[in-house]
Amino acid sequence: MTQRILIELLLFLIPFAVFLVYRAASRDLRVRDRWPLTRLVIIGGVIAVLGLILPAIFQPRETEKCYDPVRYDAEGRIVPPKEVDCAQAALPGGENTTTITPSQAPVAPRDTGN
């Protein structure tokens, strides 16, 4: 997360750095006019927003894969998350899930009247 924030901050600061290099490379080093701060902020904001949107759009993705989240198996061991074919994915409420009737549901001690 910190890396992403730093990348966005650097993308925002690119127009300021380019303008600073331009001013430093000019023949007259005296500042006659003010920095075009509004333009630089708008350009930097656009670059930063594009830096958020474009990677998500162009990121390669597999359409035939589904995500199988962390779960417990029948023996109580943790099964790590993995990507599986969508045909093999366990769907909620599917035939491979067990249903608990209200009589089998665990009851809190305060509900039993003890």
PDB file of N, CA and C in Angstrom:
ATOM      1  N   MET A   1       0.825  -1.184   0.000  1.00  0.00           N
ATOM      2  CA  MET A   1       0.000   0.000   0.000  1.00  0.00           C
ATOM      3  C   MET A   1       0.871   1.250   0.000  1.00  0.00           C
ATOM      4  N   THR A   2       1.930   1.231   0.785  1.00  0.00           N
ATOM      5  CA  THR A   2       2.837   2.372   0.841  1.00  0.00           C
ATOM      6  C   THR A   2       3.492   2.590  -0.508  1.00  0.00           C
ATOM      7  N   GLN A   3       3.831   1.495  -1.180  1.00  0.00           N
ATOM      8  CA  GLN A   3       4.445   1.601  -2.496  1.00  0.00           C
ATOM      9  C   GLN A   3       3.491   2.277  -3.477  1.00  0.00           C
ATOM     10  N   ARG A   4       2.220   1.903  -3.447  1.00  0.00           N
ATOM     11  CA  ARG A   4       1.238   2.487  -4.360  1.00  0.00           C
ATOM     12  C   ARG A   4       1.058   3.979  -4.094  1.00  0.00           C
ATOM     13  N   ILE A   5       1.062   4.378  -2.824  1.00  0.00           N
ATOM     14  CA  ILE A   5       0.928   5.790  -2.476  1.00  0.00           C
ATOM     15  C   ILE A   5       2.140   6.577  -2.969  1.00  0.00           C
ATOM     16  N   LEU A   6       3.328   6.019  -2.796  1.00  0.00           N
ATOM     17  CA  LEU A   6       4.529   6.699  -3.272  1.00  0.00           C
ATOM     18  C   LEU A   6       4.538   6.825  -4.792  1.00  0.00           C
ATOM     19  N   ILE A   7       4.085   5.805  -5.488  1.00  0.00           N
ATOM     20  CA  ILE A   7       4.018   5.866  -6.946  1.00  0.00           C
ATOM     21  C   ILE A   7       3.054   6.967  -7.382  1.00  0.00           C
ATOM     22  N   GLU A   8       1.896   7.046  -6.750  1.00  0.00           N
ATOM     23  CA  GLU A   8       0.925   8.087  -7.092  1.00  0.00           C
ATOM     24  C   GLU A   8       1.474   9.474  -6.789  1.00  0.00           C
ATOM     25  N   LEU A   9       2.185   9.612  -5.688  1.00  0.00           N
ATOM     26  CA  LEU A   9       2.790  10.903  -5.344  1.00  0.00           C
ATOM     27  C   LEU A   9       3.840  11.296  -6.381  1.00  0.00           C
ATOM     28  N   LEU A  10       4.661  10.347  -6.801  1.00  0.00           N
ATOM     29  CA  LEU A  10       5.663  10.637  -7.824  1.00  0.00           C
ATOM     30  C   LEU A  10       5.011  10.983  -9.165  1.00  0.00           C
ATOM     31  N   LEU A  11       3.938  10.292  -9.525  1.00  0.00           N
ATOM     32  CA  LEU A  11       3.231  10.633 -10.753  1.00  0.00           C
ATOM     33  C   LEU A  11       2.656  12.048 -10.690  1.00  0.00           C
ATOM     34  N   PHE A  12       2.166  12.441  -9.524  1.00  0.00           N
ATOM     35  CA  PHE A  12       1.622  13.786  -9.356  1.00  0.00           C
ATOM     36  C   PHE A  12       2.718  14.841  -9.479  1.00  0.00           C
ATOM     37  N   LEU A  13       3.927  14.522  -9.022  1.00  0.00           N
ATOM     38  CA  LEU A  13       5.017  15.505  -9.005  1.00  0.00           C
ATOM     39  C   LEU A  13       5.773  15.604 -10.328  1.00  0.00           C
ATOM     40  N   ILE A  14       5.477  14.741 -11.303  1.00  0.00           N
ATOM     41  CA  ILE A  14       6.185  14.764 -12.591  1.00  0.00           C
ATOM     42  C   ILE A  14       6.085  16.124 -13.281  1.00  0.00           C
ATOM     43  N   PRO A  15       4.899  16.736 -13.415  1.00  0.00           N
ATOM     44  CA  PRO A  15       4.853  18.043 -14.096  1.00  0.00           C
ATOM     45  C   PRO A  15       5.672  19.126 -13.387  1.00  0.00           C
ATOM     46  N   PHE A  16       5.714  19.085 -12.063  1.00  0.00           N
ATOM     47  CA  PHE A  16       6.503  20.056 -11.321  1.00  0.00           C
ATOM     48  C   PHE A  16       7.993  19.877 -11.607  1.00  0.00           C
ATOM     49  N   ALA A  17       8.434  18.628 -11.664  1.00  0.00           N
ATOM     50  CA  ALA A  17       9.839  18.351 -11.949  1.00  0.00           C
ATOM     51  C   ALA A  17      10.208  18.762 -13.371  1.00  0.00           C
ATOM     52  N   VAL A  18       9.331  18.488 -14.324  1.00  0.00           N
ATOM     53  CA  VAL A  18       9.591  18.883 -15.713  1.00  0.00           C
ATOM     54  C   VAL A  18       9.672  20.400 -15.820  1.00  0.00           C
ATOM     55  N   PHE A  19       8.769  21.101 -15.162  1.00  0.00           N
ATOM     56  CA  PHE A  19       8.798  22.562 -15.203  1.00  0.00           C
ATOM     57  C   PHE A  19      10.052  23.098 -14.521  1.00  0.00           C
ATOM     58  N   LEU A  20      10.467  22.476 -13.431  1.00  0.00           N
ATOM     59  CA  LEU A  20      11.677  22.907 -12.742  1.00  0.00           C
ATOM     60  C   LEU A  20      12.899  22.721 -13.631  1.00  0.00           C
ATOM     61  N   VAL A  21      12.984  21.612 -14.339  1.00  0.00           N
ATOM     62  CA  VAL A  21      14.104  21.380 -15.261  1.00  0.00           C
ATOM     63  C   VAL A  21      14.056  22.404 -16.400  1.00  0.00           C
ATOM     64  N   TYR A  22      12.857  22.670 -16.888  1.00  0.00           N
ATOM     65  CA  TYR A  22      12.706  23.673 -17.951  1.00  0.00           C
ATOM     66  C   TYR A  22      13.193  25.042 -17.480  1.00  0.00           C
ATOM     67  N   ARG A  23      12.795  25.422 -16.269  1.00  0.00           N
ATOM     68  CA  ARG A  23      13.220  26.726 -15.741  1.00  0.00           C
ATOM     69  C   ARG A  23      14.722  26.766 -15.504  1.00  0.00           C
ATOM     70  N   ALA A  24      15.290  25.663 -15.054  1.00  0.00           N
ATOM     71  CA  ALA A  24      16.725  25.624 -14.796  1.00  0.00           C
ATOM     72  C   ALA A  24      17.526  25.660 -16.098  1.00  0.00           C
ATOM     73  N   ALA A  25      16.960  25.118 -17.169  1.00  0.00           N
ATOM     74  CA  ALA A  25      17.664  25.077 -18.446  1.00  0.00           C
ATOM     75  C   ALA A  25      17.485  26.352 -19.259  1.00  0.00           C
ATOM     76  N   SER A  26      16.605  27.234 -18.839  1.00  0.00           N
ATOM     77  CA  SER A  26      16.382  28.467 -19.603  1.00  0.00           C
ATOM     78  C   SER A  26      17.586  29.389 -19.462  1.00  0.00           C
ATOM     79  N   ARG A  27      17.723  30.286 -20.391  1.00  0.00           N
ATOM     80  CA  ARG A  27      18.892  31.174 -20.408  1.00  0.00           C
ATOM     81  C   ARG A  27      18.834  32.183 -19.263  1.00  0.00           C
ATOM     82  N   ASP A  28      17.648  32.686 -19.022  1.00  0.00           N
ATOM     83  CA  ASP A  28      17.488  33.679 -17.975  1.00  0.00           C
ATOM     84  C   ASP A  28      17.032  32.971 -16.705  1.00  0.00           C
ATOM     85  N   LEU A  29      17.869  32.933 -15.688  1.00  0.00           N
ATOM     86  CA  LEU A  29      17.548  32.194 -14.471  1.00  0.00           C
ATOM     87  C   LEU A  29      16.678  32.992 -13.506  1.00  0.00           C
ATOM     88  N   ARG A  30      16.435  34.264 -13.794  1.00  0.00           N
ATOM     89  CA  ARG A  30      15.577  35.050 -12.927  1.00  0.00           C
ATOM     90  C   ARG A  30      14.127  34.664 -13.183  1.00  0.00           C
ATOM     91  N   VAL A  31      13.348  34.635 -12.128  1.00  0.00           N
ATOM     92  CA  VAL A  31      11.935  34.301 -12.257  1.00  0.00           C
ATOM     93  C   VAL A  31      11.177  35.592 -12.528  1.00  0.00           C
ATOM     94  N   ARG A  32      10.648  35.716 -13.744  1.00  0.00           N
ATOM     95  CA  ARG A  32       9.907  36.927 -14.105  1.00  0.00           C
ATOM     96  C   ARG A  32       8.422  36.778 -13.772  1.00  0.00           C
ATOM     97  N   ASP A  33       7.905  35.593 -14.022  1.00  0.00           N
ATOM     98  CA  ASP A  33       6.481  35.372 -13.761  1.00  0.00           C
ATOM     99  C   ASP A  33       6.331  34.259 -12.719  1.00  0.00           C
ATOM    100  N   ARG A  34       5.118  34.137 -12.263  1.00  0.00           N
ATOM    101  CA  ARG A  34       4.849  33.101 -11.253  1.00  0.00           C
ATOM    102  C   ARG A  34       4.770  31.743 -11.920  1.00  0.00           C
ATOM    103  N   TRP A  35       4.926  30.734 -11.117  1.00  0.00           N
ATOM    104  CA  TRP A  35       4.782  29.378 -11.629  1.00  0.00           C
ATOM    105  C   TRP A  35       3.323  29.157 -12.015  1.00  0.00           C
ATOM    106  N   PRO A  36       3.077  28.452 -13.082  1.00  0.00           N
ATOM    107  CA  PRO A  36       1.686  28.145 -13.451  1.00  0.00           C
ATOM    108  C   PRO A  36       1.158  27.021 -12.556  1.00  0.00           C
ATOM    109  N   LEU A  37       0.964  27.357 -11.293  1.00  0.00           N
ATOM    110  CA  LEU A  37       0.641  26.357 -10.279  1.00  0.00           C
ATOM    111  C   LEU A  37      -0.662  25.621 -10.573  1.00  0.00           C
ATOM    112  N   THR A  38      -1.672  26.335 -11.005  1.00  0.00           N
ATOM    113  CA  THR A  38      -2.966  25.691 -11.283  1.00  0.00           C
ATOM    114  C   THR A  38      -2.832  24.659 -12.391  1.00  0.00           C
ATOM    115  N   ARG A  39      -2.142  25.030 -13.459  1.00  0.00           N
ATOM    116  CA  ARG A  39      -1.948  24.082 -14.559  1.00  0.00           C
ATOM    117  C   ARG A  39      -1.151  22.870 -14.128  1.00  0.00           C
ATOM    118  N   LEU A  40      -0.098  23.095 -13.358  1.00  0.00           N
ATOM    119  CA  LEU A  40       0.732  21.972 -12.912  1.00  0.00           C
ATOM    120  C   LEU A  40      -0.054  21.025 -12.007  1.00  0.00           C
ATOM    121  N   VAL A  41      -0.898  21.563 -11.133  1.00  0.00           N
ATOM    122  CA  VAL A  41      -1.712  20.724 -10.247  1.00  0.00           C
ATOM    123  C   VAL A  41      -2.722  19.917 -11.055  1.00  0.00           C
ATOM    124  N   ILE A  42      -3.351  20.541 -12.042  1.00  0.00           N
ATOM    125  CA  ILE A  42      -4.336  19.821 -12.866  1.00  0.00           C
ATOM    126  C   ILE A  42      -3.655  18.728 -13.677  1.00  0.00           C
ATOM    127  N   ILE A  43      -2.535  19.045 -14.307  1.00  0.00           N
ATOM    128  CA  ILE A  43      -1.813  18.042 -15.098  1.00  0.00           C
ATOM    129  C   ILE A  43      -1.327  16.906 -14.205  1.00  0.00           C
ATOM    130  N   GLY A  44      -0.794  17.241 -13.030  1.00  0.00           N
ATOM    131  CA  GLY A  44      -0.341  16.205 -12.098  1.00  0.00           C
ATOM    132  C   GLY A  44      -1.484  15.332 -11.613  1.00  0.00           C
ATOM    133  N   GLY A  45      -2.645  15.938 -11.355  1.00  0.00           N
ATOM    134  CA  GLY A  45      -3.813  15.164 -10.937  1.00  0.00           C
ATOM    135  C   GLY A  45      -4.288  14.217 -12.021  1.00  0.00           C
ATOM    136  N   VAL A  46      -4.292  14.691 -13.263  1.00  0.00           N
ATOM    137  CA  VAL A  46      -4.701  13.830 -14.373  1.00  0.00           C
ATOM    138  C   VAL A  46      -3.734  12.658 -14.529  1.00  0.00           C
ATOM    139  N   ILE A  47      -2.452  12.922 -14.439  1.00  0.00           N
ATOM    140  CA  ILE A  47      -1.459  11.842 -14.555  1.00  0.00           C
ATOM    141  C   ILE A  47      -1.629  10.840 -13.413  1.00  0.00           C
ATOM    142  N   ALA A  48      -1.868  11.324 -12.198  1.00  0.00           N
ATOM    143  CA  ALA A  48      -2.033  10.426 -11.056  1.00  0.00           C
ATOM    144  C   ALA A  48      -3.291   9.568 -11.197  1.00  0.00           C
ATOM    145  N   VAL A  49      -4.393  10.158 -11.659  1.00  0.00           N
ATOM    146  CA  VAL A  49      -5.627   9.391 -11.850  1.00  0.00           C
ATOM    147  C   VAL A  49      -5.446   8.354 -12.954  1.00  0.00           C
ATOM    148  N   LEU A  50      -4.778   8.747 -14.033  1.00  0.00           N
ATOM    149  CA  LEU A  50      -4.493   7.776 -15.099  1.00  0.00           C
ATOM    150  C   LEU A  50      -3.598   6.648 -14.589  1.00  0.00           C
ATOM    151  N   GLY A  51      -2.696   6.981 -13.668  1.00  0.00           N
ATOM    152  CA  GLY A  51      -1.844   5.956 -13.067  1.00  0.00           C
ATOM    153  C   GLY A  51      -2.624   4.970 -12.210  1.00  0.00           C
ATOM    154  N   LEU A  52      -3.786   5.378 -11.712  1.00  0.00           N
ATOM    155  CA  LEU A  52      -4.654   4.470 -10.963  1.00  0.00           C
ATOM    156  C   LEU A  52      -5.523   3.616 -11.889  1.00  0.00           C
ATOM    157  N   ILE A  53      -6.029   4.235 -12.953  1.00  0.00           N
ATOM    158  CA  ILE A  53      -7.010   3.574 -13.808  1.00  0.00           C
ATOM    159  C   ILE A  53      -6.376   2.660 -14.852  1.00  0.00           C
ATOM    160  N   LEU A  54      -5.347   3.135 -15.538  1.00  0.00           N
ATOM    161  CA  LEU A  54      -4.788   2.382 -16.664  1.00  0.00           C
ATOM    162  C   LEU A  54      -4.221   1.007 -16.286  1.00  0.00           C
ATOM    163  N   PRO A  55      -3.502   0.855 -15.178  1.00  0.00           N
ATOM    164  CA  PRO A  55      -3.036  -0.500 -14.847  1.00  0.00           C
ATOM    165  C   PRO A  55      -4.171  -1.488 -14.615  1.00  0.00           C
ATOM    166  N   ALA A  56      -5.274  -1.022 -14.039  1.00  0.00           N
ATOM    167  CA  ALA A  56      -6.407  -1.917 -13.813  1.00  0.00           C
ATOM    168  C   ALA A  56      -7.067  -2.320 -15.134  1.00  0.00           C
ATOM    169  N   ILE A  57      -7.082  -1.401 -16.091  1.00  0.00           N
ATOM    170  CA  ILE A  57      -7.692  -1.707 -17.382  1.00  0.00           C
ATOM    171  C   ILE A  57      -6.841  -2.679 -18.186  1.00  0.00           C
ATOM    172  N   PHE A  58      -5.542  -2.471 -18.195  1.00  0.00           N
ATOM    173  CA  PHE A  58      -4.659  -3.262 -19.044  1.00  0.00           C
ATOM    174  C   PHE A  58      -4.028  -4.460 -18.342  1.00  0.00           C
ATOM    175  N   GLN A  59      -4.398  -4.724 -17.111  1.00  0.00           N
ATOM    176  CA  GLN A  59      -3.852  -5.869 -16.389  1.00  0.00           C
ATOM    177  C   GLN A  59      -4.380  -7.159 -17.016  1.00  0.00           C
ATOM    178  N   PRO A  60      -3.487  -8.100 -17.340  1.00  0.00           N
ATOM    179  CA  PRO A  60      -3.981  -9.355 -17.920  1.00  0.00           C
ATOM    180  C   PRO A  60      -4.781 -10.145 -16.890  1.00  0.00           C
ATOM    181  N   ARG A  61      -5.835 -10.764 -17.351  1.00  0.00           N
ATOM    182  CA  ARG A  61      -6.669 -11.552 -16.441  1.00  0.00           C
ATOM    183  C   ARG A  61      -7.113 -12.822 -17.156  1.00  0.00           C
ATOM    184  N   GLU A  62      -7.341 -13.824 -16.362  1.00  0.00           N
ATOM    185  CA  GLU A  62      -7.783 -15.103 -16.887  1.00  0.00           C
ATOM    186  C   GLU A  62      -9.281 -15.216 -16.660  1.00  0.00           C
ATOM    187  N   THR A  63     -10.033 -15.371 -17.738  1.00  0.00           N
ATOM    188  CA  THR A  63     -11.485 -15.394 -17.610  1.00  0.00           C
ATOM    189  C   THR A  63     -12.008 -16.767 -17.244  1.00  0.00           C
ATOM    190  N   GLU A  64     -11.214 -17.794 -17.400  1.00  0.00           N
ATOM    191  CA  GLU A  64     -11.674 -19.154 -17.117  1.00  0.00           C
ATOM    192  C   GLU A  64     -11.320 -19.608 -15.706  1.00  0.00           C
ATOM    193  N   LYS A  65     -10.800 -18.698 -14.888  1.00  0.00           N
ATOM    194  CA  LYS A  65     -10.384 -19.055 -13.531  1.00  0.00           C
ATOM    195  C   LYS A  65     -11.307 -18.420 -12.508  1.00  0.00           C
ATOM    196  N   CYS A  66     -11.566 -19.144 -11.434  1.00  0.00           N
ATOM    197  CA  CYS A  66     -12.343 -18.643 -10.309  1.00  0.00           C
ATOM    198  C   CYS A  66     -11.473 -18.726  -9.060  1.00  0.00           C
ATOM    199  N   TYR A  67     -11.794 -17.944  -8.070  1.00  0.00           N
ATOM    200  CA  TYR A  67     -11.048 -17.880  -6.816  1.00  0.00           C
ATOM    201  C   TYR A  67     -11.731 -18.762  -5.787  1.00  0.00           C
ATOM    202  N   ASP A  68     -10.974 -19.692  -5.216  1.00  0.00           N
ATOM    203  CA  ASP A  68     -11.470 -20.553  -4.153  1.00  0.00           C
ATOM    204  C   ASP A  68     -10.877 -20.022  -2.845  1.00  0.00           C
ATOM    205  N   PRO A  69     -11.667 -19.405  -1.963  1.00  0.00           N
ATOM    206  CA  PRO A  69     -11.121 -18.742  -0.777  1.00  0.00           C
ATOM    207  C   PRO A  69     -10.642 -19.745   0.281  1.00  0.00           C
ATOM    208  N   VAL A  70     -10.023 -19.204   1.315  1.00  0.00           N
ATOM    209  CA  VAL A  70      -9.568 -20.021   2.441  1.00  0.00           C
ATOM    210  C   VAL A  70     -10.777 -20.677   3.077  1.00  0.00           C
ATOM    211  N   ARG A  71     -10.627 -21.940   3.437  1.00  0.00           N
ATOM    212  CA  ARG A  71     -11.727 -22.666   4.091  1.00  0.00           C
ATOM    213  C   ARG A  71     -11.139 -23.787   4.929  1.00  0.00           C
ATOM    214  N   TYR A  72     -11.995 -24.426   5.719  1.00  0.00           N
ATOM    215  CA  TYR A  72     -11.615 -25.584   6.512  1.00  0.00           C
ATOM    216  C   TYR A  72     -12.098 -26.837   5.805  1.00  0.00           C
ATOM    217  N   ASP A  73     -11.276 -27.890   5.824  1.00  0.00           N
ATOM    218  CA  ASP A  73     -11.735 -29.156   5.249  1.00  0.00           C
ATOM    219  C   ASP A  73     -12.481 -29.957   6.308  1.00  0.00           C
ATOM    220  N   ALA A  74     -12.863 -31.185   5.988  1.00  0.00           N
ATOM    221  CA  ALA A  74     -13.662 -32.008   6.894  1.00  0.00           C
ATOM    222  C   ALA A  74     -12.909 -32.366   8.169  1.00  0.00           C
ATOM    223  N   GLU A  75     -11.586 -32.359   8.125  1.00  0.00           N
ATOM    224  CA  GLU A  75     -10.783 -32.712   9.306  1.00  0.00           C
ATOM    225  C   GLU A  75     -10.385 -31.502  10.131  1.00  0.00           C
ATOM    226  N   GLY A  76     -10.842 -30.319   9.748  1.00  0.00           N
ATOM    227  CA  GLY A  76     -10.568 -29.120  10.520  1.00  0.00           C
ATOM    228  C   GLY A  76      -9.278 -28.420  10.140  1.00  0.00           C
ATOM    229  N   ARG A  77      -8.618 -28.841   9.077  1.00  0.00           N
ATOM    230  CA  ARG A  77      -7.388 -28.194   8.633  1.00  0.00           C
ATOM    231  C   ARG A  77      -7.722 -27.055   7.681  1.00  0.00           C
ATOM    232  N   ILE A  78      -6.860 -26.058   7.650  1.00  0.00           N
ATOM    233  CA  ILE A  78      -7.061 -24.912   6.778  1.00  0.00           C
ATOM    234  C   ILE A  78      -6.608 -25.268   5.369  1.00  0.00           C
ATOM    235  N   VAL A  79      -7.479 -25.002   4.395  1.00  0.00           N
ATOM    236  CA  VAL A  79      -7.141 -25.183   2.981  1.00  0.00           C
ATOM    237  C   VAL A  79      -6.817 -23.805   2.433  1.00  0.00           C
ATOM    238  N   PRO A  80      -5.592 -23.589   1.908  1.00  0.00           N
ATOM    239  CA  PRO A  80      -5.215 -22.253   1.445  1.00  0.00           C
ATOM    240  C   PRO A  80      -6.006 -21.834   0.205  1.00  0.00           C
ATOM    241  N   PRO A  81      -6.065 -20.536  -0.064  1.00  0.00           N
ATOM    242  CA  PRO A  81      -6.788 -20.075  -1.257  1.00  0.00           C
ATOM    243  C   PRO A  81      -6.038 -20.464  -2.520  1.00  0.00           C
ATOM    244  N   LYS A  82      -6.794 -20.611  -3.613  1.00  0.00           N
ATOM    245  CA  LYS A  82      -6.172 -20.967  -4.885  1.00  0.00           C
ATOM    246  C   LYS A  82      -7.113 -20.594  -6.017  1.00  0.00           C
ATOM    247  N   GLU A  83      -6.560 -20.578  -7.221  1.00  0.00           N
ATOM    248  CA  GLU A  83      -7.370 -20.362  -8.412  1.00  0.00           C
ATOM    249  C   GLU A  83      -7.674 -21.711  -9.024  1.00  0.00           C
ATOM    250  N   VAL A  84      -8.935 -21.940  -9.331  1.00  0.00           N
ATOM    251  CA  VAL A  84      -9.378 -23.206  -9.914  1.00  0.00           C
ATOM    252  C   VAL A  84     -10.233 -22.911 -11.140  1.00  0.00           C
ATOM    253  N   ASP A  85     -10.461 -23.941 -11.963  1.00  0.00           N
ATOM    254  CA  ASP A  85     -11.385 -23.786 -13.071  1.00  0.00           C
ATOM    255  C   ASP A  85     -12.773 -23.520 -12.505  1.00  0.00           C
ATOM    256  N   CYS A  86     -13.524 -22.696 -13.194  1.00  0.00           N
ATOM    257  CA  CYS A  86     -14.853 -22.326 -12.702  1.00  0.00           C
ATOM    258  C   CYS A  86     -15.781 -23.539 -12.619  1.00  0.00           C
ATOM    259  N   ALA A  87     -15.539 -24.553 -13.434  1.00  0.00           N
ATOM    260  CA  ALA A  87     -16.372 -25.752 -13.388  1.00  0.00           C
ATOM    261  C   ALA A  87     -16.128 -26.529 -12.090  1.00  0.00           C
ATOM    262  N   GLN A  88     -14.932 -26.394 -11.502  1.00  0.00           N
ATOM    263  CA  GLN A  88     -14.596 -27.115 -10.273  1.00  0.00           C
ATOM    264  C   GLN A  88     -14.834 -26.282  -9.018  1.00  0.00           C
ATOM    265  N   ALA A  89     -15.158 -25.029  -9.177  1.00  0.00           N
ATOM    266  CA  ALA A  89     -15.312 -24.142  -8.023  1.00  0.00           C
ATOM    267  C   ALA A  89     -16.547 -24.517  -7.224  1.00  0.00           C
ATOM    268  N   ALA A  90     -16.406 -24.454  -5.902  1.00  0.00           N
ATOM    269  CA  ALA A  90     -17.525 -24.737  -5.010  1.00  0.00           C
ATOM    270  C   ALA A  90     -18.392 -23.492  -4.913  1.00  0.00           C
ATOM    271  N   LEU A  91     -19.614 -23.590  -5.374  1.00  0.00           N
ATOM    272  CA  LEU A  91     -20.526 -22.458  -5.323  1.00  0.00           C
ATOM    273  C   LEU A  91     -21.288 -22.443  -4.009  1.00  0.00           C
ATOM    274  N   PRO A  92     -21.558 -21.280  -3.458  1.00  0.00           N
ATOM    275  CA  PRO A  92     -22.332 -21.221  -2.217  1.00  0.00           C
ATOM    276  C   PRO A  92     -23.731 -21.782  -2.443  1.00  0.00           C
ATOM    277  N   GLY A  93     -24.158 -22.637  -1.541  1.00  0.00           N
ATOM    278  CA  GLY A  93     -25.476 -23.237  -1.652  1.00  0.00           C
ATOM    279  C   GLY A  93     -25.540 -24.375  -2.648  1.00  0.00           C
ATOM    280  N   GLY A  94     -24.387 -24.790  -3.157  1.00  0.00           N
ATOM    281  CA  GLY A  94     -24.348 -25.884  -4.129  1.00  0.00           C
ATOM    282  C   GLY A  94     -24.491 -27.230  -3.457  1.00  0.00           C
ATOM    283  N   GLU A  95     -24.349 -28.277  -4.235  1.00  0.00           N
ATOM    284  CA  GLU A  95     -24.549 -29.626  -3.708  1.00  0.00           C
ATOM    285  C   GLU A  95     -23.419 -30.090  -2.803  1.00  0.00           C
ATOM    286  N   ASN A  96     -22.266 -29.425  -2.846  1.00  0.00           N
ATOM    287  CA  ASN A  96     -21.154 -29.850  -2.006  1.00  0.00           C
ATOM    288  C   ASN A  96     -21.108 -29.115  -0.665  1.00  0.00           C
ATOM    289  N   THR A  97     -22.136 -28.349  -0.356  1.00  0.00           N
ATOM    290  CA  THR A  97     -22.193 -27.705   0.950  1.00  0.00           C
ATOM    291  C   THR A  97     -23.208 -28.437   1.819  1.00  0.00           C
ATOM    292  N   THR A  98     -22.923 -28.480   3.103  1.00  0.00           N
ATOM    293  CA  THR A  98     -23.836 -29.154   4.026  1.00  0.00           C
ATOM    294  C   THR A  98     -24.776 -28.128   4.633  1.00  0.00           C
ATOM    295  N   THR A  99     -26.013 -28.509   4.770  1.00  0.00           N
ATOM    296  CA  THR A  99     -26.982 -27.603   5.383  1.00  0.00           C
ATOM    297  C   THR A  99     -27.258 -28.075   6.807  1.00  0.00           C
ATOM    298  N   ILE A 100     -27.456 -27.121   7.687  1.00  0.00           N
ATOM    299  CA  ILE A 100     -27.726 -27.418   9.086  1.00  0.00           C
ATOM    300  C   ILE A 100     -29.177 -27.058   9.366  1.00  0.00           C
ATOM    301  N   THR A 101     -29.915 -28.002   9.859  1.00  0.00           N
ATOM    302  CA  THR A 101     -31.303 -27.716  10.221  1.00  0.00           C
ATOM    303  C   THR A 101     -31.318 -26.974  11.550  1.00  0.00           C
ATOM    304  N   PRO A 102     -32.387 -26.261  11.853  1.00  0.00           N
ATOM    305  CA  PRO A 102     -32.434 -25.503  13.102  1.00  0.00           C
ATOM    306  C   PRO A 102     -32.249 -26.372  14.340  1.00  0.00           C
ATOM    307  N   SER A 103     -32.641 -27.637  14.295  1.00  0.00           N
ATOM    308  CA  SER A 103     -32.460 -28.487  15.474  1.00  0.00           C
ATOM    309  C   SER A 103     -31.001 -28.861  15.668  1.00  0.00           C
ATOM    310  N   GLN A 104     -30.186 -28.811  14.598  1.00  0.00           N
ATOM    311  CA  GLN A 104     -28.775 -29.143  14.705  1.00  0.00           C
ATOM    312  C   GLN A 104     -27.915 -27.912  14.984  1.00  0.00           C
ATOM    313  N   ALA A 105     -28.476 -26.747  14.845  1.00  0.00           N
ATOM    314  CA  ALA A 105     -27.699 -25.521  15.010  1.00  0.00           C
ATOM    315  C   ALA A 105     -27.231 -25.400  16.456  1.00  0.00           C
ATOM    316  N   PRO A 106     -25.987 -24.964  16.654  1.00  0.00           N
ATOM    317  CA  PRO A 106     -25.491 -24.789  18.020  1.00  0.00           C
ATOM    318  C   PRO A 106     -26.273 -23.697  18.743  1.00  0.00           C
ATOM    319  N   VAL A 107     -26.471 -23.901  19.994  1.00  0.00           N
ATOM    320  CA  VAL A 107     -27.235 -22.962  20.818  1.00  0.00           C
ATOM    321  C   VAL A 107     -26.306 -22.377  21.851  1.00  0.00           C
ATOM    322  N   ALA A 108     -26.375 -21.074  22.039  1.00  0.00           N
ATOM    323  CA  ALA A 108     -25.571 -20.425  23.048  1.00  0.00           C
ATOM    324  C   ALA A 108     -26.078 -20.814  24.440  1.00  0.00           C
ATOM    325  N   PRO A 109     -25.191 -20.915  25.444  1.00  0.00           N
ATOM    326  CA  PRO A 109     -25.623 -21.302  26.787  1.00  0.00           C
ATOM    327  C   PRO A 109     -26.718 -20.402  27.349  1.00  0.00           C
ATOM    328  N   ARG A 110     -26.705 -19.140  27.012  1.00  0.00           N
ATOM    329  CA  ARG A 110     -27.713 -18.227  27.559  1.00  0.00           C
ATOM    330  C   ARG A 110     -29.085 -18.518  26.987  1.00  0.00           C
ATOM    331  N   ASP A 111     -29.162 -19.195  25.813  1.00  0.00           N
ATOM    332  CA  ASP A 111     -30.430 -19.484  25.176  1.00  0.00           C
ATOM    333  C   ASP A 111     -31.071 -20.778  25.713  1.00  0.00           C
ATOM    334  N   THR A 112     -30.308 -21.597  26.400  1.00  0.00           N
ATOM    335  CA  THR A 112     -30.850 -22.874  26.879  1.00  0.00           C
ATOM    336  C   THR A 112     -31.547 -22.731  28.225  1.00  0.00           C
ATOM    337  N   GLY A 113     -31.425 -21.614  28.861  1.00  0.00           N
ATOM    338  CA  GLY A 113     -32.076 -21.407  30.141  1.00  0.00           C
ATOM    339  C   GLY A 113     -31.219 -21.880  31.306  1.00  0.00           C
ATOM    340  N   ASN A 114     -29.956 -22.213  31.062  1.00  0.00           N
ATOM    341  CA  ASN A 114     -29.048 -22.663  32.135  1.00  0.00           C
ATOM    342  C   ASN A 114     -28.413 -21.501  32.842  1.00  0.00           C
TER     343      ASN A 114
END
